Amino acid sequence: MAVKKRKSQMVNNTDHLQHIEPTLRPLAVPINQIHNDQDNVRKHPDQNLDSIRRSLEAFGQQKPIVIDKHHTCLAGNGTLLAARALGWTHLAAVTTGLSGSSARAYAIADNRTTDTSDWDMDKLAQQLAVLQNEMDFDHFTTGFDDSQIEDAIDKAMQIEDASMRDVAIADSYQVLVACADEVQQRQLFERLEKEGFQCRVLTL
C-alpha cells in the first residue's frame, strides 16, 4: 500500500529564498499560505509600507514573522504586505502555539511595546549623520527622510545646548589686590603662596 507523503510547509529550494537571511531559510513558508490578520489593530499607511519595502529591498528579511497554527499573521503584517508588493513568494515565519485570547493579546503587545520606547536623540543623530555622509548608502532605508534626519540632528543639538546651560558652575571667591610696583607684587605673591593660597600674577 502506497503511503502518501505529507506535503511539507517548509521549502528547501533556495532559488526563491535569496531575500531571506540564510539562517532563517529553513523557516520559509509560501506567502500564498499566510493570511493577514483581519483584526490587526495596527494600520499600515502607504508611507509606512514604503519604508518597510525599502528596508526589505536593502537588507532582505532579517527576522521572522509570527503566525498561528492557521497561518494567520500575528506579528509582521506590514512585512507581509510589503513582501507581497515586492513579489516575494516566501517569508520566514515562526509558528506559535498561542491561540484565542492569548494570541490576540500577543498581537496587541507586539505592536504596543514598540510605542513605549524612546529615541536616544543624540545617538540617533550621530548615526544618521554618519549614514548621511555615506555616498553609496540610501539613508531612506532607515525609514527616515531628509527632513526627519535634519530634525533629529537639530533636536540633538538643542538637547546638547540645553544640557550645557544646565551645567552648574562652582562658586569661586577671589580678591584682586593692586600693588604699587613689580617688587611689591612679587613679595605679596610669594607670601600668599607660602600661606597656602592659590595665586597667579597678573599685569594689567
N, C-alpha and C. Protein backbone atom coordinates (compact mmCIF):
# COMPACT_ATOMS: atom_id res chain seq x y z
N MET A 1 0.85 -1.19 0.00
CA MET A 1 0.00 0.00 0.00
C MET A 1 0.88 1.24 0.00
N ALA A 2 0.64 2.10 -0.93
CA ALA A 2 1.46 3.31 -1.04
C ALA A 2 1.12 4.28 0.07
N VAL A 3 2.14 4.87 0.62
CA VAL A 3 1.96 5.85 1.69
C VAL A 3 2.12 7.24 1.10
N LYS A 4 1.10 8.06 1.26
CA LYS A 4 1.16 9.42 0.75
C LYS A 4 2.12 10.26 1.58
N LYS A 5 2.97 10.94 0.92
CA LYS A 5 3.91 11.81 1.62
C LYS A 5 3.20 13.09 2.02
N ARG A 6 3.43 13.48 3.25
CA ARG A 6 2.84 14.72 3.74
C ARG A 6 3.51 15.90 3.08
N LYS A 7 2.71 16.78 2.55
CA LYS A 7 3.25 17.98 1.90
C LYS A 7 3.88 18.90 2.93
N SER A 8 5.14 19.17 2.77
CA SER A 8 5.86 19.99 3.74
C SER A 8 5.50 21.45 3.58
N GLN A 9 5.36 22.13 4.72
CA GLN A 9 5.09 23.56 4.70
C GLN A 9 6.38 24.33 4.42
N MET A 10 7.51 23.71 4.74
CA MET A 10 8.78 24.37 4.57
C MET A 10 9.34 24.07 3.18
N VAL A 11 10.28 24.86 2.75
CA VAL A 11 10.87 24.67 1.42
C VAL A 11 12.38 24.68 1.54
N ASN A 12 13.04 23.95 0.64
CA ASN A 12 14.49 23.89 0.65
C ASN A 12 15.08 24.48 -0.62
N ASN A 13 14.24 24.84 -1.56
CA ASN A 13 14.70 25.43 -2.82
C ASN A 13 15.12 26.87 -2.59
N THR A 14 16.41 27.09 -2.55
CA THR A 14 16.92 28.43 -2.20
C THR A 14 16.76 29.44 -3.32
N ASP A 15 16.36 29.00 -4.52
CA ASP A 15 16.18 29.94 -5.63
C ASP A 15 15.17 31.02 -5.29
N HIS A 16 14.17 30.67 -4.49
CA HIS A 16 13.12 31.62 -4.14
C HIS A 16 13.36 32.27 -2.78
N LEU A 17 14.52 32.00 -2.19
CA LEU A 17 14.77 32.45 -0.82
C LEU A 17 15.95 33.40 -0.70
N GLN A 18 16.42 33.93 -1.82
CA GLN A 18 17.61 34.76 -1.78
C GLN A 18 17.42 36.01 -0.93
N HIS A 19 16.18 36.45 -0.77
CA HIS A 19 15.91 37.66 0.00
C HIS A 19 15.83 37.39 1.50
N ILE A 20 15.89 36.11 1.90
CA ILE A 20 15.78 35.75 3.31
C ILE A 20 17.16 35.48 3.88
N GLU A 21 17.44 36.00 5.06
CA GLU A 21 18.69 35.71 5.76
C GLU A 21 18.90 34.19 5.78
N PRO A 22 20.09 33.71 5.35
CA PRO A 22 20.32 32.27 5.21
C PRO A 22 19.95 31.44 6.44
N THR A 23 20.23 31.95 7.63
CA THR A 23 19.91 31.16 8.83
C THR A 23 18.41 31.04 9.07
N LEU A 24 17.61 31.89 8.39
CA LEU A 24 16.16 31.84 8.55
C LEU A 24 15.47 31.03 7.46
N ARG A 25 16.20 30.64 6.44
CA ARG A 25 15.58 29.98 5.30
C ARG A 25 14.87 28.67 5.63
N PRO A 26 15.33 27.90 6.63
CA PRO A 26 14.57 26.69 6.99
C PRO A 26 13.15 27.01 7.49
N LEU A 27 12.88 28.26 7.85
CA LEU A 27 11.56 28.66 8.34
C LEU A 27 10.67 29.19 7.23
N ALA A 28 11.15 29.16 6.00
CA ALA A 28 10.42 29.78 4.88
C ALA A 28 9.07 29.09 4.65
N VAL A 29 8.05 29.92 4.47
CA VAL A 29 6.69 29.45 4.19
C VAL A 29 6.18 30.20 2.96
N PRO A 30 5.49 29.53 2.04
CA PRO A 30 4.93 30.24 0.89
C PRO A 30 3.99 31.36 1.33
N ILE A 31 4.17 32.52 0.77
CA ILE A 31 3.36 33.67 1.15
C ILE A 31 1.88 33.44 0.87
N ASN A 32 1.59 32.69 -0.19
CA ASN A 32 0.17 32.47 -0.51
C ASN A 32 -0.53 31.57 0.50
N GLN A 33 0.24 31.02 1.45
CA GLN A 33 -0.36 30.23 2.52
C GLN A 33 -0.51 31.03 3.82
N ILE A 34 -0.06 32.29 3.80
CA ILE A 34 -0.12 33.13 5.01
C ILE A 34 -1.23 34.16 4.85
N HIS A 35 -2.00 34.33 5.91
CA HIS A 35 -3.13 35.25 5.86
C HIS A 35 -2.85 36.48 6.72
N ASN A 36 -3.16 37.64 6.19
CA ASN A 36 -3.08 38.85 7.02
C ASN A 36 -4.14 38.80 8.11
N ASP A 37 -3.81 39.36 9.26
CA ASP A 37 -4.73 39.39 10.39
C ASP A 37 -5.81 40.43 10.12
N GLN A 38 -7.03 39.98 9.91
CA GLN A 38 -8.13 40.90 9.63
C GLN A 38 -8.50 41.74 10.85
N ASP A 39 -8.07 41.30 12.03
CA ASP A 39 -8.35 42.05 13.26
C ASP A 39 -7.12 42.83 13.74
N ASN A 40 -6.14 42.98 12.86
CA ASN A 40 -4.92 43.68 13.23
C ASN A 40 -5.23 45.11 13.68
N VAL A 41 -4.72 45.49 14.84
CA VAL A 41 -5.02 46.82 15.40
C VAL A 41 -4.09 47.90 14.85
N ARG A 42 -3.07 47.48 14.13
CA ARG A 42 -2.10 48.44 13.58
C ARG A 42 -2.41 48.72 12.11
N LYS A 43 -2.51 50.01 11.78
CA LYS A 43 -2.72 50.41 10.39
C LYS A 43 -1.37 50.59 9.70
N HIS A 44 -1.35 50.35 8.41
CA HIS A 44 -0.12 50.49 7.64
C HIS A 44 -0.37 51.40 6.43
N PRO A 45 -0.26 52.71 6.64
CA PRO A 45 -0.44 53.64 5.51
C PRO A 45 0.67 53.46 4.48
N ASP A 46 0.48 54.07 3.33
CA ASP A 46 1.42 53.89 2.22
C ASP A 46 2.85 54.27 2.60
N GLN A 47 3.01 55.35 3.37
CA GLN A 47 4.36 55.79 3.75
C GLN A 47 5.05 54.72 4.59
N ASN A 48 4.31 54.10 5.50
CA ASN A 48 4.87 53.05 6.34
C ASN A 48 5.26 51.83 5.52
N LEU A 49 4.36 51.42 4.63
CA LEU A 49 4.65 50.26 3.79
C LEU A 49 5.83 50.52 2.86
N ASP A 50 5.95 51.76 2.40
CA ASP A 50 7.08 52.11 1.54
C ASP A 50 8.40 52.00 2.30
N SER A 51 8.39 52.41 3.57
CA SER A 51 9.59 52.29 4.40
C SER A 51 9.96 50.83 4.62
N ILE A 52 8.95 50.00 4.91
CA ILE A 52 9.21 48.57 5.11
C ILE A 52 9.73 47.95 3.82
N ARG A 53 9.13 48.32 2.70
CA ARG A 53 9.56 47.78 1.40
C ARG A 53 11.01 48.15 1.12
N ARG A 54 11.37 49.41 1.37
CA ARG A 54 12.76 49.85 1.14
C ARG A 54 13.73 49.05 2.01
N SER A 55 13.33 48.82 3.26
CA SER A 55 14.18 48.06 4.17
C SER A 55 14.35 46.62 3.69
N LEU A 56 13.26 46.00 3.28
CA LEU A 56 13.34 44.62 2.80
C LEU A 56 14.18 44.54 1.53
N GLU A 57 14.04 45.51 0.65
CA GLU A 57 14.83 45.52 -0.58
C GLU A 57 16.32 45.65 -0.27
N ALA A 58 16.64 46.49 0.70
CA ALA A 58 18.05 46.77 1.01
C ALA A 58 18.70 45.65 1.82
N PHE A 59 17.98 45.13 2.80
CA PHE A 59 18.59 44.21 3.76
C PHE A 59 18.04 42.79 3.70
N GLY A 60 16.95 42.58 2.96
CA GLY A 60 16.32 41.27 2.98
C GLY A 60 15.55 41.07 4.27
N GLN A 61 14.99 39.88 4.45
CA GLN A 61 14.27 39.58 5.69
C GLN A 61 15.26 39.14 6.75
N GLN A 62 15.39 39.92 7.82
CA GLN A 62 16.36 39.65 8.87
C GLN A 62 15.73 39.09 10.14
N LYS A 63 14.42 39.07 10.22
CA LYS A 63 13.74 38.46 11.37
C LYS A 63 12.43 37.85 10.88
N PRO A 64 12.02 36.73 11.49
CA PRO A 64 10.81 36.06 11.01
C PRO A 64 9.55 36.76 11.48
N ILE A 65 8.48 36.57 10.72
CA ILE A 65 7.17 36.99 11.20
C ILE A 65 6.63 35.88 12.09
N VAL A 66 5.54 36.15 12.78
CA VAL A 66 4.94 35.14 13.66
C VAL A 66 3.54 34.82 13.15
N ILE A 67 3.26 33.53 12.97
CA ILE A 67 1.95 33.09 12.51
C ILE A 67 1.38 32.08 13.49
N ASP A 68 0.05 31.93 13.48
CA ASP A 68 -0.55 30.91 14.34
C ASP A 68 -0.72 29.61 13.54
N LYS A 69 -1.35 28.63 14.17
CA LYS A 69 -1.47 27.32 13.52
C LYS A 69 -2.34 27.36 12.27
N HIS A 70 -3.15 28.40 12.14
CA HIS A 70 -3.97 28.56 10.94
C HIS A 70 -3.28 29.42 9.88
N HIS A 71 -2.02 29.77 10.16
CA HIS A 71 -1.21 30.60 9.26
C HIS A 71 -1.73 32.03 9.16
N THR A 72 -2.37 32.51 10.22
CA THR A 72 -2.73 33.92 10.31
C THR A 72 -1.57 34.68 10.93
N CYS A 73 -1.18 35.78 10.33
CA CYS A 73 -0.03 36.54 10.80
C CYS A 73 -0.39 37.32 12.07
N LEU A 74 0.31 37.04 13.16
CA LEU A 74 0.09 37.75 14.42
C LEU A 74 1.07 38.91 14.58
N ALA A 75 2.27 38.75 14.09
CA ALA A 75 3.29 39.80 14.19
C ALA A 75 4.05 39.87 12.87
N GLY A 76 4.00 41.04 12.23
CA GLY A 76 4.69 41.22 10.96
C GLY A 76 3.76 41.40 9.78
N ASN A 77 2.55 41.91 10.04
CA ASN A 77 1.60 42.13 8.95
C ASN A 77 2.12 43.13 7.93
N GLY A 78 2.81 44.17 8.40
CA GLY A 78 3.39 45.14 7.48
C GLY A 78 4.44 44.50 6.59
N THR A 79 5.26 43.63 7.18
CA THR A 79 6.27 42.91 6.40
C THR A 79 5.61 42.03 5.35
N LEU A 80 4.53 41.37 5.74
CA LEU A 80 3.81 40.51 4.81
C LEU A 80 3.25 41.31 3.64
N LEU A 81 2.64 42.45 3.92
CA LEU A 81 2.09 43.30 2.86
C LEU A 81 3.19 43.81 1.93
N ALA A 82 4.31 44.25 2.51
CA ALA A 82 5.41 44.78 1.71
C ALA A 82 6.04 43.68 0.87
N ALA A 83 6.17 42.49 1.43
CA ALA A 83 6.75 41.37 0.70
C ALA A 83 5.89 41.00 -0.51
N ARG A 84 4.58 41.05 -0.32
CA ARG A 84 3.67 40.78 -1.44
C ARG A 84 3.86 41.84 -2.54
N ALA A 85 4.00 43.09 -2.11
CA ALA A 85 4.19 44.18 -3.08
C ALA A 85 5.49 44.01 -3.87
N LEU A 86 6.49 43.40 -3.23
CA LEU A 86 7.78 43.17 -3.89
C LEU A 86 7.75 41.93 -4.78
N GLY A 87 6.67 41.17 -4.69
CA GLY A 87 6.58 39.96 -5.50
C GLY A 87 7.29 38.76 -4.90
N TRP A 88 7.62 38.84 -3.61
CA TRP A 88 8.25 37.70 -2.95
C TRP A 88 7.29 36.53 -2.88
N THR A 89 7.83 35.34 -2.90
CA THR A 89 6.99 34.14 -2.83
C THR A 89 7.02 33.46 -1.48
N HIS A 90 8.04 33.78 -0.66
CA HIS A 90 8.19 33.13 0.64
C HIS A 90 8.62 34.13 1.70
N LEU A 91 8.28 33.82 2.93
CA LEU A 91 8.75 34.57 4.10
C LEU A 91 9.11 33.58 5.20
N ALA A 92 10.13 33.91 5.96
CA ALA A 92 10.45 33.10 7.13
C ALA A 92 9.43 33.39 8.21
N ALA A 93 8.87 32.34 8.79
CA ALA A 93 7.81 32.52 9.79
C ALA A 93 7.97 31.52 10.92
N VAL A 94 7.75 31.99 12.13
CA VAL A 94 7.71 31.14 13.32
C VAL A 94 6.25 30.85 13.63
N THR A 95 5.91 29.60 13.82
CA THR A 95 4.54 29.22 14.15
C THR A 95 4.40 29.11 15.66
N THR A 96 3.55 29.94 16.24
CA THR A 96 3.35 29.94 17.68
C THR A 96 2.23 29.00 18.08
N GLY A 97 2.31 28.51 19.31
CA GLY A 97 1.24 27.67 19.84
C GLY A 97 0.14 28.47 20.50
N LEU A 98 0.31 29.81 20.54
CA LEU A 98 -0.72 30.65 21.15
C LEU A 98 -1.99 30.63 20.32
N SER A 99 -3.12 30.72 21.00
CA SER A 99 -4.40 30.77 20.30
C SER A 99 -5.39 31.56 21.13
N GLY A 100 -6.53 31.88 20.53
CA GLY A 100 -7.59 32.57 21.24
C GLY A 100 -7.15 33.91 21.81
N SER A 101 -7.53 34.17 23.06
CA SER A 101 -7.24 35.45 23.69
C SER A 101 -5.74 35.67 23.89
N SER A 102 -5.00 34.58 24.11
CA SER A 102 -3.55 34.72 24.28
C SER A 102 -2.89 35.21 22.99
N ALA A 103 -3.32 34.66 21.86
CA ALA A 103 -2.78 35.09 20.57
C ALA A 103 -3.15 36.53 20.29
N ARG A 104 -4.39 36.91 20.62
CA ARG A 104 -4.84 38.28 20.39
C ARG A 104 -4.05 39.26 21.26
N ALA A 105 -3.85 38.90 22.53
CA ALA A 105 -3.09 39.77 23.44
C ALA A 105 -1.65 39.92 22.97
N TYR A 106 -1.07 38.82 22.48
CA TYR A 106 0.31 38.89 21.98
C TYR A 106 0.40 39.83 20.78
N ALA A 107 -0.55 39.73 19.86
CA ALA A 107 -0.54 40.58 18.67
C ALA A 107 -0.60 42.06 19.05
N ILE A 108 -1.43 42.37 20.05
CA ILE A 108 -1.53 43.76 20.52
C ILE A 108 -0.23 44.19 21.19
N ALA A 109 0.30 43.32 22.05
CA ALA A 109 1.53 43.65 22.78
C ALA A 109 2.70 43.85 21.83
N ASP A 110 2.77 43.06 20.77
CA ASP A 110 3.87 43.19 19.82
C ASP A 110 3.88 44.58 19.18
N ASN A 111 2.71 45.13 18.96
CA ASN A 111 2.61 46.48 18.41
C ASN A 111 2.82 47.55 19.47
N ARG A 112 2.25 47.33 20.64
CA ARG A 112 2.27 48.35 21.69
C ARG A 112 3.65 48.55 22.29
N THR A 113 4.41 47.49 22.49
CA THR A 113 5.69 47.61 23.18
C THR A 113 6.68 48.49 22.43
N THR A 114 6.55 48.57 21.10
CA THR A 114 7.44 49.46 20.35
C THR A 114 7.06 50.92 20.54
N ASP A 115 5.79 51.17 20.89
CA ASP A 115 5.33 52.54 21.08
C ASP A 115 5.84 53.16 22.37
N THR A 116 6.16 52.32 23.35
CA THR A 116 6.51 52.82 24.68
C THR A 116 8.02 53.03 24.85
N SER A 117 8.78 52.87 23.78
CA SER A 117 10.22 53.12 23.87
C SER A 117 10.51 54.54 23.38
N ASP A 118 11.68 55.05 23.73
CA ASP A 118 12.08 56.41 23.34
C ASP A 118 13.37 56.36 22.53
N TRP A 119 13.55 57.36 21.71
CA TRP A 119 14.79 57.50 20.95
C TRP A 119 15.84 58.19 21.82
N ASP A 120 17.08 57.73 21.72
CA ASP A 120 18.22 58.48 22.25
C ASP A 120 18.61 59.43 21.12
N MET A 121 18.13 60.67 21.20
CA MET A 121 18.27 61.60 20.09
C MET A 121 19.72 61.89 19.74
N ASP A 122 20.58 61.91 20.76
CA ASP A 122 21.99 62.20 20.50
C ASP A 122 22.63 61.09 19.67
N LYS A 123 22.41 59.84 20.10
CA LYS A 123 22.99 58.71 19.37
C LYS A 123 22.35 58.55 17.99
N LEU A 124 21.03 58.78 17.92
CA LEU A 124 20.34 58.69 16.64
C LEU A 124 20.91 59.70 15.66
N ALA A 125 21.08 60.94 16.13
CA ALA A 125 21.60 62.00 15.26
C ALA A 125 23.01 61.66 14.77
N GLN A 126 23.84 61.14 15.67
CA GLN A 126 25.21 60.79 15.30
C GLN A 126 25.22 59.72 14.21
N GLN A 127 24.39 58.68 14.42
CA GLN A 127 24.39 57.58 13.45
C GLN A 127 23.78 57.99 12.12
N LEU A 128 22.71 58.80 12.16
CA LEU A 128 22.10 59.27 10.92
C LEU A 128 23.06 60.18 10.16
N ALA A 129 23.81 61.00 10.91
CA ALA A 129 24.77 61.90 10.27
C ALA A 129 25.86 61.10 9.56
N VAL A 130 26.31 60.03 10.18
CA VAL A 130 27.33 59.18 9.56
C VAL A 130 26.78 58.55 8.28
N LEU A 131 25.56 58.00 8.38
CA LEU A 131 24.95 57.37 7.21
C LEU A 131 24.67 58.37 6.10
N GLN A 132 24.31 59.59 6.50
CA GLN A 132 24.01 60.64 5.52
C GLN A 132 25.24 60.99 4.70
N ASN A 133 26.42 60.82 5.29
CA ASN A 133 27.66 61.15 4.61
C ASN A 133 28.20 59.99 3.76
N GLU A 134 27.56 58.82 3.89
CA GLU A 134 27.97 57.68 3.07
C GLU A 134 27.36 57.84 1.69
N MET A 135 28.19 58.10 0.71
CA MET A 135 27.70 58.41 -0.63
C MET A 135 26.94 57.25 -1.27
N ASP A 136 27.34 56.00 -0.95
CA ASP A 136 26.72 54.85 -1.59
C ASP A 136 25.62 54.22 -0.74
N PHE A 137 25.19 54.93 0.31
CA PHE A 137 24.17 54.37 1.19
C PHE A 137 22.87 55.15 1.06
N ASP A 138 21.79 54.43 0.82
CA ASP A 138 20.47 55.06 0.71
C ASP A 138 19.88 55.18 2.11
N HIS A 139 19.97 56.39 2.70
CA HIS A 139 19.52 56.55 4.08
C HIS A 139 18.01 56.42 4.22
N PHE A 140 17.28 56.42 3.11
CA PHE A 140 15.83 56.22 3.18
C PHE A 140 15.50 54.82 3.67
N THR A 141 16.45 53.89 3.56
CA THR A 141 16.20 52.54 4.04
C THR A 141 16.10 52.48 5.56
N THR A 142 16.50 53.55 6.24
CA THR A 142 16.36 53.60 7.69
C THR A 142 14.94 53.96 8.12
N GLY A 143 14.13 54.40 7.16
CA GLY A 143 12.77 54.82 7.49
C GLY A 143 12.67 56.32 7.72
N PHE A 144 13.80 57.03 7.66
CA PHE A 144 13.83 58.48 7.84
C PHE A 144 14.09 59.16 6.50
N ASP A 145 13.34 60.25 6.23
CA ASP A 145 13.63 61.02 5.03
C ASP A 145 14.55 62.19 5.39
N ASP A 146 14.88 63.02 4.39
CA ASP A 146 15.85 64.10 4.61
C ASP A 146 15.41 65.06 5.72
N SER A 147 14.15 65.47 5.69
CA SER A 147 13.67 66.43 6.69
C SER A 147 13.68 65.83 8.08
N GLN A 148 13.35 64.54 8.19
CA GLN A 148 13.35 63.89 9.50
C GLN A 148 14.76 63.73 10.04
N ILE A 149 15.70 63.47 9.16
CA ILE A 149 17.10 63.37 9.59
C ILE A 149 17.59 64.72 10.09
N GLU A 150 17.28 65.78 9.36
CA GLU A 150 17.68 67.12 9.78
C GLU A 150 17.03 67.49 11.12
N ASP A 151 15.76 67.12 11.28
CA ASP A 151 15.06 67.39 12.55
C ASP A 151 15.72 66.65 13.70
N ALA A 152 16.10 65.40 13.47
CA ALA A 152 16.74 64.61 14.52
C ALA A 152 18.06 65.23 14.93
N ILE A 153 18.84 65.68 13.95
CA ILE A 153 20.13 66.31 14.25
C ILE A 153 19.92 67.63 14.98
N ASP A 154 18.92 68.42 14.55
CA ASP A 154 18.63 69.70 15.21
C ASP A 154 18.20 69.48 16.66
N LYS A 155 17.33 68.48 16.89
CA LYS A 155 16.86 68.21 18.25
C LYS A 155 18.02 67.77 19.14
N ALA A 156 18.92 66.98 18.60
CA ALA A 156 20.08 66.53 19.38
C ALA A 156 20.95 67.72 19.76
N MET A 157 21.11 68.67 18.84
CA MET A 157 21.90 69.86 19.12
C MET A 157 21.22 70.73 20.17
N GLN A 158 19.89 70.82 20.12
CA GLN A 158 19.15 71.59 21.11
C GLN A 158 19.28 70.98 22.50
N ILE A 159 19.22 69.64 22.55
CA ILE A 159 19.37 68.95 23.83
C ILE A 159 20.77 69.18 24.39
N GLU A 160 21.78 69.14 23.51
CA GLU A 160 23.16 69.36 23.94
C GLU A 160 23.34 70.79 24.45
N ASP A 161 22.75 71.76 23.74
CA ASP A 161 22.86 73.16 24.17
C ASP A 161 22.19 73.37 25.52
N ALA A 162 21.03 72.73 25.71
CA ALA A 162 20.30 72.87 26.97
C ALA A 162 21.09 72.26 28.12
N SER A 163 21.71 71.12 27.86
CA SER A 163 22.49 70.46 28.91
C SER A 163 23.71 71.29 29.28
N MET A 164 24.29 71.99 28.30
CA MET A 164 25.43 72.84 28.59
C MET A 164 25.02 74.02 29.46
N ARG A 165 23.81 74.55 29.20
CA ARG A 165 23.34 75.67 30.01
C ARG A 165 23.02 75.25 31.44
N ASP A 166 22.67 73.97 31.60
CA ASP A 166 22.29 73.48 32.92
C ASP A 166 23.48 73.07 33.77
N VAL A 167 24.69 73.09 33.17
CA VAL A 167 25.87 72.70 33.93
C VAL A 167 26.14 73.73 35.03
N ALA A 168 26.23 73.26 36.25
CA ALA A 168 26.45 74.16 37.39
C ALA A 168 27.91 74.60 37.44
N ILE A 169 28.12 75.87 37.63
CA ILE A 169 29.47 76.41 37.77
C ILE A 169 29.75 76.61 39.25
N ALA A 170 30.84 76.00 39.72
CA ALA A 170 31.18 76.07 41.15
C ALA A 170 31.49 77.52 41.54
N ASP A 171 31.10 77.87 42.77
CA ASP A 171 31.38 79.22 43.28
C ASP A 171 32.88 79.44 43.39
N SER A 172 33.31 80.64 43.06
CA SER A 172 34.72 80.99 43.14
C SER A 172 34.85 82.33 43.85
N TYR A 173 35.71 82.38 44.86
CA TYR A 173 35.88 83.60 45.65
C TYR A 173 37.30 84.13 45.44
N GLN A 174 37.41 85.36 44.95
CA GLN A 174 38.71 85.92 44.60
C GLN A 174 38.84 87.34 45.16
N VAL A 175 40.10 87.72 45.35
CA VAL A 175 40.42 89.08 45.80
C VAL A 175 41.46 89.65 44.84
N LEU A 176 41.18 90.82 44.29
CA LEU A 176 42.12 91.49 43.40
C LEU A 176 42.83 92.59 44.18
N VAL A 177 44.14 92.48 44.28
CA VAL A 177 44.94 93.44 45.06
C VAL A 177 45.80 94.27 44.10
N ALA A 178 45.72 95.59 44.21
CA ALA A 178 46.54 96.47 43.38
C ALA A 178 47.85 96.76 44.09
N CYS A 179 48.98 96.42 43.49
CA CYS A 179 50.29 96.63 44.09
C CYS A 179 50.94 97.91 43.53
N ALA A 180 51.86 98.47 44.32
CA ALA A 180 52.50 99.73 43.92
C ALA A 180 53.45 99.53 42.75
N ASP A 181 54.15 98.38 42.76
CA ASP A 181 55.11 98.11 41.69
C ASP A 181 55.35 96.60 41.59
N GLU A 182 56.25 96.24 40.69
CA GLU A 182 56.51 94.82 40.44
C GLU A 182 57.16 94.15 41.65
N VAL A 183 57.98 94.89 42.38
CA VAL A 183 58.64 94.32 43.56
C VAL A 183 57.61 93.94 44.61
N GLN A 184 56.69 94.87 44.90
CA GLN A 184 55.66 94.58 45.90
C GLN A 184 54.76 93.42 45.44
N GLN A 185 54.52 93.40 44.15
CA GLN A 185 53.68 92.32 43.60
C GLN A 185 54.34 90.96 43.85
N ARG A 186 55.65 90.88 43.59
CA ARG A 186 56.36 89.62 43.77
C ARG A 186 56.41 89.22 45.24
N GLN A 187 56.63 90.18 46.11
CA GLN A 187 56.70 89.89 47.54
C GLN A 187 55.36 89.38 48.07
N LEU A 188 54.28 90.05 47.64
CA LEU A 188 52.95 89.64 48.10
C LEU A 188 52.60 88.25 47.56
N PHE A 189 52.97 88.03 46.32
CA PHE A 189 52.69 86.72 45.71
C PHE A 189 53.38 85.61 46.48
N GLU A 190 54.66 85.81 46.78
CA GLU A 190 55.44 84.78 47.49
C GLU A 190 54.89 84.54 48.89
N ARG A 191 54.46 85.61 49.56
CA ARG A 191 53.92 85.47 50.92
C ARG A 191 52.61 84.68 50.92
N LEU A 192 51.74 85.03 49.98
CA LEU A 192 50.44 84.34 49.92
C LEU A 192 50.60 82.88 49.51
N GLU A 193 51.55 82.61 48.63
CA GLU A 193 51.82 81.23 48.23
C GLU A 193 52.26 80.41 49.44
N LYS A 194 53.12 81.00 50.29
CA LYS A 194 53.59 80.30 51.48
C LYS A 194 52.45 80.02 52.45
N GLU A 195 51.46 80.90 52.47
CA GLU A 195 50.31 80.73 53.37
C GLU A 195 49.27 79.76 52.81
N GLY A 196 49.53 79.23 51.62
CA GLY A 196 48.64 78.20 51.07
C GLY A 196 47.59 78.69 50.10
N PHE A 197 47.65 79.95 49.73
CA PHE A 197 46.67 80.47 48.77
C PHE A 197 47.12 80.15 47.34
N GLN A 198 46.13 79.90 46.50
CA GLN A 198 46.43 79.70 45.08
C GLN A 198 46.47 81.07 44.41
N CYS A 199 47.62 81.42 43.87
CA CYS A 199 47.80 82.76 43.32
C CYS A 199 48.34 82.69 41.89
N ARG A 200 48.09 83.74 41.17
CA ARG A 200 48.71 83.90 39.87
C ARG A 200 48.97 85.39 39.66
N VAL A 201 50.01 85.69 38.94
CA VAL A 201 50.43 87.07 38.73
C VAL A 201 49.76 87.63 37.48
N LEU A 202 49.14 88.79 37.63
CA LEU A 202 48.51 89.48 36.52
C LEU A 202 49.10 90.88 36.39
N THR A 203 49.39 91.27 35.17
CA THR A 203 49.86 92.63 34.91
C THR A 203 48.86 93.29 33.98
N LEU A 204 48.12 94.26 34.48
CA LEU A 204 47.06 94.92 33.71
C LEU A 204 47.52 96.29 33.24
